[in-house]
C-alpha cells in the first residue's frame, strides 16, 4: 500500500497517510478536522534490494573507456 501526502486547506497542516489505492474515504486533517486535499507527487515509494550500488545488477558491467568507443 502506498503512502499519500495530504494538506489541509484551512490550517495548512501537511501529513502522510498509508492506505490502499482503492480507499476513497474522506481524509480529515489531524489538527483541525477539515477535509484534506491529496498532494500531487506524493505516494511514490522506492524499494531497492540486492547487493551492489544498483538494484538492476548493472553495477558489475565495466564502464566505457574515457575516450569513448572507437
Foldseek 3Di string as FASTA:
>chain_A
DWKWWWAAPPPGDIDIDDDDPPDPDFDADPPPRGGIDTDPPGGDDDDADDDDDHRVPCNPPDDADPVGDD
